[in-house]
C-alpha atoms as a PDB file:
ATOM      1  CA  UNK A   1      30.197 -26.854 -85.843  1.00  0.00           C
ATOM      2  CA  UNK A   2      27.220 -25.139 -84.354  1.00  0.00           C
ATOM      3  CA  UNK A   3      26.510 -21.927 -86.233  1.00  0.00           C
ATOM      4  CA  UNK A   4      27.212 -19.589 -82.911  1.00  0.00           C
ATOM      5  CA  UNK A   5      30.769 -20.777 -82.762  1.00  0.00           C
ATOM      6  CA  UNK A   6      31.347 -18.596 -85.975  1.00  0.00           C
ATOM      7  CA  UNK A   7      30.082 -15.705 -84.233  1.00  0.00           C
ATOM      8  CA  UNK A   8      28.606 -14.182 -87.257  1.00  0.00           C
ATOM      9  CA  UNK A   9      25.072 -13.076 -87.743  1.00  0.00           C
ATOM     10  CA  UNK A  10      25.390 -12.414 -91.391  1.00  0.00           C
ATOM     11  CA  UNK A  11      23.886 -16.092 -92.562  1.00  0.00           C
ATOM     12  CA  UNK A  12      20.632 -15.283 -90.499  1.00  0.00           C
ATOM     13  CA  UNK A  13      19.830 -12.004 -92.385  1.00  0.00           C
ATOM     14  CA  UNK A  14      17.299 -12.151 -95.265  1.00  0.00           C
ATOM     15  CA  UNK A  15      18.743 -12.776 -98.532  1.00  0.00           C
ATOM     16  CA  UNK A  16      16.903 -10.027-100.356  1.00  0.00           C
ATOM     17  CA  UNK A  17      14.297  -7.986 -98.686  1.00  0.00           C
ATOM     18  CA  UNK A  18      15.427  -6.094 -95.752  1.00  0.00           C
ATOM     19  CA  UNK A  19      12.857  -3.887 -94.443  1.00  0.00           C
ATOM     20  CA  UNK A  20      12.549  -3.525 -90.826  1.00  0.00           C
ATOM     21  CA  UNK A  21       9.630  -6.135 -90.411  1.00  0.00           C
ATOM     22  CA  UNK A  22      11.814  -8.632 -92.606  1.00  0.00           C
ATOM     23  CA  UNK A  23      14.823  -8.085 -90.315  1.00  0.00           C
ATOM     24  CA  UNK A  24      12.888  -8.345 -87.176  1.00  0.00           C
ATOM     25  CA  UNK A  25      11.281 -11.569 -88.154  1.00  0.00           C
ATOM     26  CA  UNK A  26      14.704 -12.880 -89.238  1.00  0.00           C
ATOM     27  CA  UNK A  27      16.560 -11.545 -85.995  1.00  0.00           C
ATOM     28  CA  UNK A  28      13.976 -13.822 -84.053  1.00  0.00           C
ATOM     29  CA  UNK A  29      15.889 -16.984 -85.128  1.00  0.00           C
ATOM     30  CA  UNK A  30      19.398 -15.735 -85.046  1.00  0.00           C
ATOM     31  CA  UNK A  31      21.926 -18.207 -83.850  1.00  0.00           C
ATOM     32  CA  UNK A  32      24.882 -16.092 -84.792  1.00  0.00           C
ATOM     33  CA  UNK A  33      26.595 -16.279 -81.228  1.00  0.00           C
ATOM     34  CA  UNK A  34      26.104 -18.422 -77.837  1.00  0.00           C
ATOM     35  CA  UNK A  35      24.100 -15.487 -76.195  1.00  0.00           C
ATOM     36  CA  UNK A  36      20.933 -16.755 -77.670  1.00  0.00           C
ATOM     37  CA  UNK A  37      21.167 -19.871 -75.433  1.00  0.00           C
ATOM     38  CA  UNK A  38      20.469 -18.155 -72.102  1.00  0.00           C
ATOM     39  CA  UNK A  39      18.411 -15.138 -73.393  1.00  0.00           C
ATOM     40  CA  UNK A  40      14.784 -15.338 -73.374  1.00  0.00           C
ATOM     41  CA  UNK A  41      14.411 -13.827 -77.049  1.00  0.00           C
ATOM     42  CA  UNK A  42      15.909 -11.679 -79.410  1.00  0.00           C
ATOM     43  CA  UNK A  43      15.403  -8.025 -78.637  1.00  0.00           C
ATOM     44  CA  UNK A  44      15.301  -6.079 -82.069  1.00  0.00           C
ATOM     45  CA  UNK A  45      15.105  -2.319 -82.531  1.00  0.00           C
ATOM     46  CA  UNK A  46      11.814  -0.379 -82.553  1.00  0.00           C
ATOM     47  CA  UNK A  47      10.599   2.657 -83.807  1.00  0.00           C
ATOM     48  CA  UNK A  48       9.660   4.462 -87.139  1.00  0.00           C
ATOM     49  CA  UNK A  49      11.277   3.254 -90.342  1.00  0.00           C
ATOM     50  CA  UNK A  50      11.284   6.871 -91.141  1.00  0.00           C
ATOM     51  CA  UNK A  51      13.102   8.198 -87.959  1.00  0.00           C
ATOM     52  CA  UNK A  52      15.388  10.818 -88.492  1.00  0.00           C
ATOM     53  CA  UNK A  53      17.222   9.787 -85.243  1.00  0.00           C
ATOM     54  CA  UNK A  54      18.482   6.390 -84.015  1.00  0.00           C
ATOM     55  CA  UNK A  55      19.735   5.775 -80.710  1.00  0.00           C
ATOM     56  CA  UNK A  56      21.947   2.842 -79.971  1.00  0.00           C
ATOM     57  CA  UNK A  57      22.666   1.324 -76.637  1.00  0.00           C
ATOM     58  CA  UNK A  58      24.541  -1.585 -75.374  1.00  0.00           C
ATOM     59  CA  UNK A  59      22.139  -4.514 -75.206  1.00  0.00           C
ATOM     60  CA  UNK A  60      18.798  -5.391 -73.694  1.00  0.00           C
ATOM     61  CA  UNK A  61      18.391  -5.685 -69.906  1.00  0.00           C
ATOM     62  CA  UNK A  62      16.438  -7.981 -67.857  1.00  0.00           C
ATOM     63  CA  UNK A  63      13.015  -6.462 -68.605  1.00  0.00           C
ATOM     64  CA  UNK A  64      13.610  -5.956 -72.073  1.00  0.00           C
ATOM     65  CA  UNK A  65      14.729  -9.644 -72.472  1.00  0.00           C
ATOM     66  CA  UNK A  66      11.318 -10.483 -70.872  1.00  0.00           C
ATOM     67  CA  UNK A  67       9.159  -8.218 -73.004  1.00  0.00           C
ATOM     68  CA  UNK A  68      11.208  -8.450 -76.303  1.00  0.00           C
ATOM     69  CA  UNK A  69      11.135  -4.557 -76.749  1.00  0.00           C
ATOM     70  CA  UNK A  70      14.286  -2.216 -76.270  1.00  0.00           C
ATOM     71  CA  UNK A  71      14.384   0.329 -73.445  1.00  0.00           C
ATOM     72  CA  UNK A  72      10.945  -0.629 -71.534  1.00  0.00           C
ATOM     73  CA  UNK A  73      13.018  -0.788 -68.287  1.00  0.00           C
ATOM     74  CA  UNK A  74      14.153   2.014 -65.818  1.00  0.00           C
ATOM     75  CA  UNK A  75      16.845   3.091 -68.136  1.00  0.00           C
ATOM     76  CA  UNK A  76      14.485   3.437 -70.879  1.00  0.00           C
ATOM     77  CA  UNK A  77      11.963   5.427 -68.757  1.00  0.00           C
ATOM     78  CA  UNK A  78      14.877   8.009 -67.772  1.00  0.00           C
ATOM     79  CA  UNK A  79      15.989   7.979 -71.521  1.00  0.00           C
ATOM     80  CA  UNK A  80      12.344   9.071 -72.745  1.00  0.00           C
ATOM     81  CA  UNK A  81      12.265  11.784 -70.130  1.00  0.00           C
ATOM     82  CA  UNK A  82      15.483  13.238 -71.172  1.00  0.00           C
ATOM     83  CA  UNK A  83      14.512  13.216 -74.752  1.00  0.00           C
ATOM     84  CA  UNK A  84      11.662  15.024 -74.035  1.00  0.00           C
ATOM     85  CA  UNK A  85      13.290  17.615 -71.732  1.00  0.00           C
ATOM     86  CA  UNK A  86      15.838  17.959 -74.754  1.00  0.00           C
ATOM     87  CA  UNK A  87      13.175  18.737 -77.292  1.00  0.00           C
ATOM     88  CA  UNK A  88      13.132  15.349 -78.916  1.00  0.00           C
ATOM     89  CA  UNK A  89       9.912  13.592 -79.146  1.00  0.00           C
ATOM     90  CA  UNK A  90      10.719  10.053 -77.962  1.00  0.00           C
ATOM     91  CA  UNK A  91       8.011   8.426 -80.420  1.00  0.00           C
ATOM     92  CA  UNK A  92       9.727   9.921 -83.416  1.00  0.00           C
ATOM     93  CA  UNK A  93      13.034   8.043 -82.560  1.00  0.00           C
ATOM     94  CA  UNK A  94      14.174   4.647 -83.528  1.00  0.00           C
ATOM     95  CA  UNK A  95      15.739   2.791 -80.410  1.00  0.00           C
ATOM     96  CA  UNK A  96      18.061  -0.313 -80.738  1.00  0.00           C
ATOM     97  CA  UNK A  97      21.019  -1.918 -79.300  1.00  0.00           C
ATOM     98  CA  UNK A  98      24.707  -2.958 -80.544  1.00  0.00           C
ATOM     99  CA  UNK A  99      24.150  -6.383 -79.194  1.00  0.00           C
ATOM    100  CA  UNK A 100      20.361  -8.085 -79.330  1.00  0.00           C
ATOM    101  CA  UNK A 101      20.481 -10.756 -76.684  1.00  0.00           C
ATOM    102  CA  UNK A 102      20.600 -10.071 -72.935  1.00  0.00           C
ATOM    103  CA  UNK A 103      24.075 -11.164 -71.500  1.00  0.00           C
ATOM    104  CA  UNK A 104      23.782 -11.807 -67.686  1.00  0.00           C
ATOM    105  CA  UNK A 105      25.285 -13.661 -64.680  1.00  0.00           C
ATOM    106  CA  UNK A 106      23.122 -15.456 -62.316  1.00  0.00           C
ATOM    107  CA  UNK A 107      24.191 -17.264 -59.090  1.00  0.00           C
ATOM    108  CA  UNK A 108      21.375 -19.863 -59.350  1.00  0.00           C
ATOM    109  CA  UNK A 109      17.997 -20.287 -61.011  1.00  0.00           C
ATOM    110  CA  UNK A 110      15.289 -17.906 -59.722  1.00  0.00           C
ATOM    111  CA  UNK A 111      17.864 -15.367 -58.511  1.00  0.00           C
ATOM    112  CA  UNK A 112      18.174 -12.002 -60.150  1.00  0.00           C
ATOM    113  CA  UNK A 113      19.885 -11.966 -63.421  1.00  0.00           C
ATOM    114  CA  UNK A 114      22.931  -9.448 -63.345  1.00  0.00           C
ATOM    115  CA  UNK A 115      23.734  -7.469 -66.627  1.00  0.00           C
ATOM    116  CA  UNK A 116      27.402  -8.518 -68.083  1.00  0.00           C
ATOM    117  CA  UNK A 117      28.972  -6.384 -70.672  1.00  0.00           C
ATOM    118  CA  UNK A 118      29.176  -8.184 -74.223  1.00  0.00           C
ATOM    119  CA  UNK A 119      32.777  -8.951 -75.541  1.00  0.00           C
ATOM    120  CA  UNK A 120      33.977  -7.218 -78.574  1.00  0.00           C
ATOM    121  CA  UNK A 121      33.520 -10.643 -80.332  1.00  0.00           C
ATOM    122  CA  UNK A 122      29.837 -10.559 -79.394  1.00  0.00           C
ATOM    123  CA  UNK A 123      29.513  -7.050 -80.526  1.00  0.00           C
ATOM    124  CA  UNK A 124      31.166  -7.968 -83.923  1.00  0.00           C
ATOM    125  CA  UNK A 125      28.767 -11.071 -84.511  1.00  0.00           C
ATOM    126  CA  UNK A 126      25.884  -8.791 -83.930  1.00  0.00           C
ATOM    127  CA  UNK A 127      26.997  -5.935 -86.010  1.00  0.00           C
ATOM    128  CA  UNK A 128      25.452  -7.158 -89.211  1.00  0.00           C
ATOM    129  CA  UNK A 129      22.034  -6.536 -87.655  1.00  0.00           C
ATOM    130  CA  UNK A 130      22.765  -2.962 -86.467  1.00  0.00           C
ATOM    131  CA  UNK A 131      24.177  -2.403 -90.087  1.00  0.00           C
ATOM    132  CA  UNK A 132      21.070  -3.698 -91.643  1.00  0.00           C
ATOM    133  CA  UNK A 133      18.993  -1.272 -89.211  1.00  0.00           C
ATOM    134  CA  UNK A 134      21.035   1.673 -90.299  1.00  0.00           C
ATOM    135  CA  UNK A 135      20.454   0.712 -94.161  1.00  0.00           C
ATOM    136  CA  UNK A 136      16.693   0.542 -93.618  1.00  0.00           C
ATOM    137  CA  UNK A 137      16.185   3.375 -91.481  1.00  0.00           C
ATOM    138  CA  UNK A 138      18.909   5.985 -92.861  1.00  0.00           C
ATOM    139  CA  UNK A 139      18.716   8.197 -89.787  1.00  0.00           C
ATOM    140  CA  UNK A 140      19.949  11.681 -90.346  1.00  0.00           C
ATOM    141  CA  UNK A 141      21.611  11.523 -86.761  1.00  0.00           C
ATOM    142  CA  UNK A 142      22.860   8.716 -84.570  1.00  0.00           C
ATOM    143  CA  UNK A 143      22.932   9.162 -80.770  1.00  0.00           C
ATOM    144  CA  UNK A 144      25.525   6.696 -79.061  1.00  0.00           C
ATOM    145  CA  UNK A 145      24.585   5.808 -75.674  1.00  0.00           C
ATOM    146  CA  UNK A 146      27.745   4.753 -73.946  1.00  0.00           C
ATOM    147  CA  UNK A 147      30.938   3.131 -74.166  1.00  0.00           C
ATOM    148  CA  UNK A 148      30.049  -0.252 -75.644  1.00  0.00           C
ATOM    149  CA  UNK A 149      27.895   1.211 -78.313  1.00  0.00           C
ATOM    150  CA  UNK A 150      30.628   3.437 -79.175  1.00  0.00           C
ATOM    151  CA  UNK A 151      33.127   0.548 -79.549  1.00  0.00           C
ATOM    152  CA  UNK A 152      30.631  -1.455 -81.448  1.00  0.00           C
ATOM    153  CA  UNK A 153      30.247   1.546 -84.030  1.00  0.00           C
ATOM    154  CA  UNK A 154      33.578   3.128 -84.046  1.00  0.00           C
ATOM    155  CA  UNK A 155      36.049   0.666 -82.773  1.00  0.00           C
ATOM    156  CA  UNK A 156      37.798  -0.319 -79.560  1.00  0.00           C
ATOM    157  CA  UNK A 157      39.570   3.188 -79.174  1.00  0.00           C
ATOM    158  CA  UNK A 158      36.471   4.781 -78.334  1.00  0.00           C
ATOM    159  CA  UNK A 159      35.994   6.571 -75.195  1.00  0.00           C
ATOM    160  CA  UNK A 160      32.682   8.364 -74.437  1.00  0.00           C
ATOM    161  CA  UNK A 161      34.158  10.697 -71.976  1.00  0.00           C
ATOM    162  CA  UNK A 162      36.453  12.369 -74.654  1.00  0.00           C
ATOM    163  CA  UNK A 163      33.757  12.999 -77.174  1.00  0.00           C
ATOM    164  CA  UNK A 164      30.502  13.085 -75.455  1.00  0.00           C
ATOM    165  CA  UNK A 165      27.914  16.039 -76.203  1.00  0.00           C
ATOM    166  CA  UNK A 166      29.947  16.748 -79.642  1.00  0.00           C
ATOM    167  CA  UNK A 167      28.604  16.506 -83.154  1.00  0.00           C
ATOM    168  CA  UNK A 168      30.822  14.133 -85.178  1.00  0.00           C
ATOM    169  CA  UNK A 169      30.702  12.890 -88.726  1.00  0.00           C
ATOM    170  CA  UNK A 170      32.229   9.273 -89.076  1.00  0.00           C
ATOM    171  CA  UNK A 171      31.951   6.578 -91.694  1.00  0.00           C
ATOM    172  CA  UNK A 172      29.953   3.572 -90.114  1.00  0.00           C
ATOM    173  CA  UNK A 173      29.148   0.593 -92.019  1.00  0.00           C
ATOM    174  CA  UNK A 174      29.979   2.071 -95.290  1.00  0.00           C
ATOM    175  CA  UNK A 175      28.090   5.169 -94.980  1.00  0.00           C
ATOM    176  CA  UNK A 176      28.903   8.773 -93.689  1.00  0.00           C
ATOM    177  CA  UNK A 177      26.759   9.285 -90.674  1.00  0.00           C
ATOM    178  CA  UNK A 178      26.469  12.110 -88.333  1.00  0.00           C
ATOM    179  CA  UNK A 179      26.281  11.268 -84.737  1.00  0.00           C
ATOM    180  CA  UNK A 180      26.315  12.492 -81.090  1.00  0.00           C
ATOM    181  CA  UNK A 181      27.933  10.372 -78.201  1.00  0.00           C
ATOM    182  CA  UNK A 182      26.602  10.510 -74.726  1.00  0.00           C
ATOM    183  CA  UNK A 183      26.379   8.131 -71.541  1.00  0.00           C
ATOM    184  CA  UNK A 184      23.900   5.352 -71.270  1.00  0.00           C
ATOM    185  CA  UNK A 185      20.825   6.191 -69.354  1.00  0.00           C
ATOM    186  CA  UNK A 186      21.845   3.303 -66.894  1.00  0.00           C
ATOM    187  CA  UNK A 187      24.879   4.993 -65.867  1.00  0.00           C
ATOM    188  CA  UNK A 188      22.730   7.889 -64.707  1.00  0.00           C
ATOM    189  CA  UNK A 189      20.690   5.633 -62.610  1.00  0.00           C
ATOM    190  CA  UNK A 190      23.837   4.193 -61.232  1.00  0.00           C
ATOM    191  CA  UNK A 191      25.660   7.750 -60.612  1.00  0.00           C
ATOM    192  CA  UNK A 192      26.311   9.052 -56.965  1.00  0.00           C
ATOM    193  CA  UNK A 193      24.765  12.565 -58.057  1.00  0.00           C
ATOM    194  CA  UNK A 194      21.900  11.389 -60.246  1.00  0.00           C
ATOM    195  CA  UNK A 195      20.603  14.958 -60.840  1.00  0.00           C
ATOM    196  CA  UNK A 196      24.008  16.214 -62.265  1.00  0.00           C
ATOM    197  CA  UNK A 197      24.422  13.092 -64.325  1.00  0.00           C
ATOM    198  CA  UNK A 198      20.917  13.594 -65.692  1.00  0.00           C
ATOM    199  CA  UNK A 199      21.383  17.169 -66.590  1.00  0.00           C
ATOM    200  CA  UNK A 200      24.545  16.030 -68.409  1.00  0.00           C
ATOM    201  CA  UNK A 201      22.566  13.600 -70.492  1.00  0.00           C
ATOM    202  CA  UNK A 202      19.980  16.140 -71.309  1.00  0.00           C
ATOM    203  CA  UNK A 203      22.696  18.802 -72.399  1.00  0.00           C
ATOM    204  CA  UNK A 204      24.225  16.045 -74.679  1.00  0.00           C
ATOM    205  CA  UNK A 205      20.870  15.341 -76.113  1.00  0.00           C
ATOM    206  CA  UNK A 206      20.166  18.874 -76.813  1.00  0.00           C
ATOM    207  CA  UNK A 207      23.365  18.890 -79.130  1.00  0.00           C
ATOM    208  CA  UNK A 208      21.299  16.147 -81.022  1.00  0.00           C
ATOM    209  CA  UNK A 209      18.218  18.152 -81.260  1.00  0.00           C
ATOM    210  CA  UNK A 210      19.970  21.311 -82.383  1.00  0.00           C
ATOM    211  CA  UNK A 211      21.704  19.109 -85.304  1.00  0.00           C
ATOM    212  CA  UNK A 212      18.262  17.959 -86.535  1.00  0.00           C
ATOM    213  CA  UNK A 213      16.962  21.486 -86.851  1.00  0.00           C
END
């Protein structure tokens, strides 16, 4: 049976040393679900191992898939600006995604690759990587970016509209964790009223900034 049919990344994690460099190297060879077939590469988290704040999004986008780094596309640029406007230095954060491979649809080769939301099964398969990142970084605060990331961390009943901009404390992967949910920056880019959506994101991130004081 091909390893991806098991939908479980655990066999690909390092057996002992699980520093961020070791995890990143191991993740490059992950075949824990079928998403690796179409994606260009694994896109692991990036940032300081000592970061006080970790931001978790859904999955890499087209540019992230090509470059191998999370949040380097338009949504990432908007997120950096929103963090700065909220009083959080983007360089001091650790950025990652619930799913480490880009999932997309494409009408034919050479055409634009269109983002497709990962399934619960794919998020569950990738969860060991996110758990290992949390264990390695031990952030004081998580910022959950969007519904998919929230479901990956908190379960399928999560609704970002119900709890966005609030400081919560939940058990995540075996450890008590403070977190602030908000929308994904790509939702701001898709909004009909982008200015209002952006100010809403900044307002939520200010809650995170206050929680770190």
